[in-house]
Amino acid sequence: MAHSAAYKLKVLARKRANQFYDKVVKGTKVIDTVHDHVHDGEHFFVTYSVADLGAATTPDDMMTVSFTTPSDARLHFVWVAICSSGARVRLIRGKTGGGVNPTGTLQIYNSDENSTNTSGVTDVAGANETKVSYDATLFTGGVTLIDEYIGADGQGRTFIGGDTRGDQEIILKESTIYQLSLYETDNVPGTLQLSWYEI
């Protein structure tokens, strides 16, 4: 759902009036910027896990999360990939092919469970508001922003991304499709965690 101009003005006015007051802690703000966005209901997340990457058939040995960014807000985006064995993780912007036949959609949640604000992100087709597509085919012909191999067989649980937001955050383009994928041929579980705030 795109945020209206009236909504944006309301948010801006509220921030200017209350920029040093936090309604959650009921006192002067001494929290970091991202935590402030959580308190203001502007931070969102989605998580996707599979029990057996090697058994995945659509797409082969791969899990993907694909989405379209809103036209009126920039996503300050971080992600985490978790796998118990060596795996390949990619973040791709745009495509000339692929990104079709998703298994379904996943709901995007607000990090403030009390907030009624919703994300402007839609699924890869741009048809379902506040949802992302999962297990669409791998994008082809786009720009590969990240292409890394994480861990090695036998190393145990492996994380990448998001631990230090200042180093990992990517501000995504507006009205653009993206895909995060995790590929592993072993019979191991995998998880993709995406989080962002929209301003």
Protein backbone atom coordinates (compact mmCIF):
# COMPACT_ATOMS: atom_id res chain seq x y z
CA MET A 1 0.00 0.00 0.00
CA ALA A 2 1.49 3.36 -1.00
CA HIS A 3 1.54 5.97 1.73
CA SER A 4 -0.60 9.01 0.95
CA ALA A 5 0.77 12.56 1.00
CA ALA A 6 -1.47 13.29 3.99
CA TYR A 7 -0.03 10.33 5.87
CA LYS A 8 3.54 11.46 5.16
CA LEU A 9 2.77 15.01 6.33
CA LYS A 10 1.18 13.65 9.49
CA VAL A 11 4.25 11.53 10.21
CA LEU A 12 6.59 14.45 9.57
CA ALA A 13 4.56 16.79 11.79
CA ARG A 14 4.49 14.21 14.56
CA LYS A 15 8.23 13.70 14.35
CA ARG A 16 8.93 17.42 14.51
CA ALA A 17 6.62 17.90 17.47
CA ASN A 18 7.83 14.87 19.38
CA GLN A 19 11.36 14.41 18.13
CA PHE A 20 12.78 14.23 21.65
CA TYR A 21 9.88 12.37 23.30
CA ASP A 22 9.25 8.65 23.08
CA LYS A 23 5.72 7.42 23.82
CA VAL A 24 6.86 3.87 24.57
CA VAL A 25 9.43 4.73 27.25
CA LYS A 26 7.47 7.92 28.15
CA GLY A 27 10.55 10.05 28.33
CA THR A 28 13.35 11.75 26.44
CA LYS A 29 14.63 9.71 23.53
CA VAL A 30 18.03 8.21 24.02
CA ILE A 31 17.65 5.36 21.53
CA ASP A 32 19.27 4.81 18.15
CA THR A 33 17.62 5.68 14.85
CA VAL A 34 16.52 2.15 13.94
CA HIS A 35 15.02 1.60 17.39
CA ASP A 36 13.19 4.91 16.96
CA HIS A 37 11.67 3.66 13.69
CA VAL A 38 10.51 0.52 15.52
CA HIS A 39 8.82 2.66 18.17
CA ASP A 40 7.22 4.81 15.46
CA GLY A 41 5.78 1.76 13.68
CA GLU A 42 7.95 2.22 10.57
CA HIS A 43 10.03 -0.95 10.84
CA PHE A 44 8.99 -4.21 9.17
CA PHE A 45 10.23 -7.78 8.87
CA VAL A 46 9.58 -11.15 7.22
CA THR A 47 11.18 -14.55 7.84
CA TYR A 48 11.21 -17.65 5.63
CA SER A 49 12.61 -21.05 6.67
CA VAL A 50 12.78 -24.48 5.04
CA ALA A 51 13.62 -27.76 6.76
CA ASP A 52 15.56 -29.30 3.85
CA LEU A 53 17.19 -27.13 1.20
CA GLY A 54 18.55 -30.13 -0.71
CA ALA A 55 15.04 -31.49 -1.15
CA ALA A 56 13.65 -28.23 -2.54
CA THR A 57 12.29 -28.64 -6.05
CA THR A 58 10.97 -25.18 -6.91
CA PRO A 59 13.51 -23.76 -7.52
CA ASP A 60 16.10 -26.56 -7.26
CA ASP A 61 17.97 -26.66 -3.94
CA MET A 62 17.16 -23.00 -3.45
CA MET A 63 14.91 -20.76 -1.41
CA THR A 64 14.08 -17.28 -2.64
CA VAL A 65 12.24 -14.24 -1.32
CA SER A 66 11.19 -11.75 -4.02
CA PHE A 67 9.42 -8.40 -3.68
CA THR A 68 8.67 -5.00 -5.19
CA THR A 69 9.60 -1.82 -3.34
CA PRO A 70 7.07 1.02 -2.95
CA SER A 71 7.10 4.08 -5.20
CA ASP A 72 7.03 6.60 -2.37
CA ALA A 73 9.45 5.30 0.26
CA ARG A 74 13.02 4.07 0.43
CA LEU A 75 13.70 0.81 2.20
CA HIS A 76 16.67 0.88 4.58
CA PHE A 77 17.25 -2.84 4.21
CA VAL A 78 19.24 -5.50 6.07
CA TRP A 79 19.07 -9.28 5.85
CA VAL A 80 20.37 -12.42 7.50
CA ALA A 81 20.97 -15.83 5.90
CA ILE A 82 21.27 -18.82 8.23
CA CYS A 83 22.41 -22.27 7.14
CA SER A 84 24.05 -25.20 8.91
CA SER A 85 26.35 -25.94 5.97
CA GLY A 86 28.11 -24.17 3.12
CA ALA A 87 25.65 -22.16 1.00
CA ARG A 88 25.48 -19.45 -1.66
CA VAL A 89 23.51 -16.30 -0.97
CA ARG A 90 22.59 -13.69 -3.59
CA LEU A 91 20.75 -10.38 -3.64
CA ILE A 92 19.64 -9.40 -7.16
CA ARG A 93 18.04 -6.14 -8.30
CA GLY A 94 15.80 -6.21 -11.37
CA LYS A 95 15.51 -8.93 -13.96
CA THR A 96 14.98 -9.72 -17.62
CA GLY A 97 13.83 -13.25 -16.82
CA GLY A 98 12.98 -15.58 -13.96
CA GLY A 99 11.13 -14.50 -10.84
CA VAL A 100 8.05 -16.49 -11.86
CA ASN A 101 5.94 -19.30 -10.43
CA PRO A 102 6.31 -18.48 -6.73
CA THR A 103 5.00 -21.09 -4.34
CA GLY A 104 3.07 -18.41 -2.48
CA THR A 105 3.37 -15.24 -0.43
CA LEU A 106 4.54 -14.41 3.09
CA GLN A 107 3.02 -11.74 5.31
CA ILE A 108 5.12 -8.70 6.21
CA TYR A 109 4.86 -7.77 9.90
CA ASN A 110 5.33 -4.47 11.71
CA SER A 111 7.98 -4.68 14.43
CA ASP A 112 5.60 -2.71 16.67
CA GLU A 113 2.71 -5.13 17.15
CA ASN A 114 0.56 -2.24 18.41
CA SER A 115 0.98 -0.17 15.24
CA THR A 116 -1.57 -0.10 12.43
CA ASN A 117 1.03 1.06 9.89
CA THR A 118 1.57 -1.30 6.98
CA SER A 119 4.50 -1.73 4.63
CA GLY A 120 4.40 -0.37 1.10
CA VAL A 121 6.20 -3.49 -0.18
CA THR A 122 4.30 -5.88 -2.48
CA ASP A 123 4.99 -9.33 -3.89
CA VAL A 124 7.16 -9.77 -6.99
CA ALA A 125 4.17 -9.24 -9.30
CA GLY A 126 3.13 -6.08 -7.45
CA ALA A 127 -0.30 -7.60 -6.85
CA ASN A 128 -0.39 -8.41 -3.11
CA GLU A 129 0.15 -5.58 -0.65
CA THR A 130 2.21 -6.15 2.53
CA LYS A 131 3.43 -9.50 1.21
CA VAL A 132 6.55 -10.94 -0.42
CA SER A 133 6.75 -13.91 -2.81
CA TYR A 134 8.63 -17.03 -1.80
CA ASP A 135 10.33 -19.60 -4.02
CA ALA A 136 9.89 -17.79 -7.31
CA THR A 137 12.52 -18.90 -9.84
CA LEU A 138 15.92 -17.20 -9.70
CA PHE A 139 16.11 -13.78 -11.37
CA THR A 140 18.19 -13.61 -14.53
CA GLY A 141 19.61 -10.56 -16.27
CA GLY A 142 19.41 -8.30 -13.23
CA VAL A 143 22.17 -6.65 -11.21
CA THR A 144 23.75 -8.99 -8.64
CA LEU A 145 24.44 -6.80 -5.62
CA ILE A 146 25.62 -9.62 -3.37
CA ASP A 147 26.97 -13.05 -4.33
CA GLU A 148 28.73 -14.81 -1.47
CA TYR A 149 29.44 -18.28 -0.24
CA ILE A 150 28.89 -18.61 3.47
CA GLY A 151 30.60 -21.14 5.69
CA ALA A 152 31.79 -24.57 4.69
CA ASP A 153 30.51 -28.08 5.28
CA GLY A 154 30.82 -29.08 8.90
CA GLN A 155 31.27 -25.55 10.26
CA GLY A 156 27.88 -25.58 11.91
CA ARG A 157 25.42 -22.73 11.92
CA THR A 158 26.44 -19.91 9.61
CA PHE A 159 25.12 -16.35 9.56
CA ILE A 160 25.72 -13.53 7.13
CA GLY A 161 24.38 -10.00 6.93
CA GLY A 162 22.69 -7.60 9.28
CA ASP A 163 24.89 -7.95 12.36
CA THR A 164 26.29 -4.42 12.05
CA ARG A 165 23.62 -2.28 10.45
CA GLY A 166 26.00 0.55 9.56
CA ASP A 167 28.06 -1.83 7.43
CA GLN A 168 25.28 -4.01 6.07
CA GLU A 169 22.38 -1.65 5.36
CA ILE A 170 21.43 -1.12 1.73
CA ILE A 171 18.98 1.63 0.74
CA LEU A 172 16.91 0.02 -1.99
CA LYS A 173 15.56 1.80 -5.05
CA GLU A 174 11.91 2.77 -5.20
CA SER A 175 9.50 0.86 -7.52
CA THR A 176 12.04 -1.90 -8.09
CA ILE A 177 11.98 -5.68 -7.81
CA TYR A 178 14.55 -7.53 -5.67
CA GLN A 179 15.28 -11.14 -4.82
CA LEU A 180 17.26 -12.68 -1.96
CA SER A 181 18.18 -16.34 -2.46
CA LEU A 182 19.94 -19.10 -0.54
CA TYR A 183 21.29 -22.16 -2.43
CA GLU A 184 22.53 -25.40 -0.85
CA THR A 185 22.53 -28.97 -2.20
CA ASP A 186 22.92 -30.68 1.20
CA ASN A 187 19.88 -31.82 3.16
CA VAL A 188 20.03 -29.03 5.73
CA PRO A 189 17.65 -26.33 6.97
CA GLY A 190 17.91 -22.71 5.83
CA THR A 191 16.45 -19.37 6.88
CA LEU A 192 16.23 -15.93 5.28
CA GLN A 193 15.35 -12.98 7.51
CA LEU A 194 14.61 -9.60 5.90
CA SER A 195 14.02 -6.39 7.83
CA TRP A 196 13.78 -2.72 6.94
CA TYR A 197 12.32 0.63 7.77
CA GLU A 198 10.52 2.81 5.22
CA ILE A 199 10.94 6.58 4.98
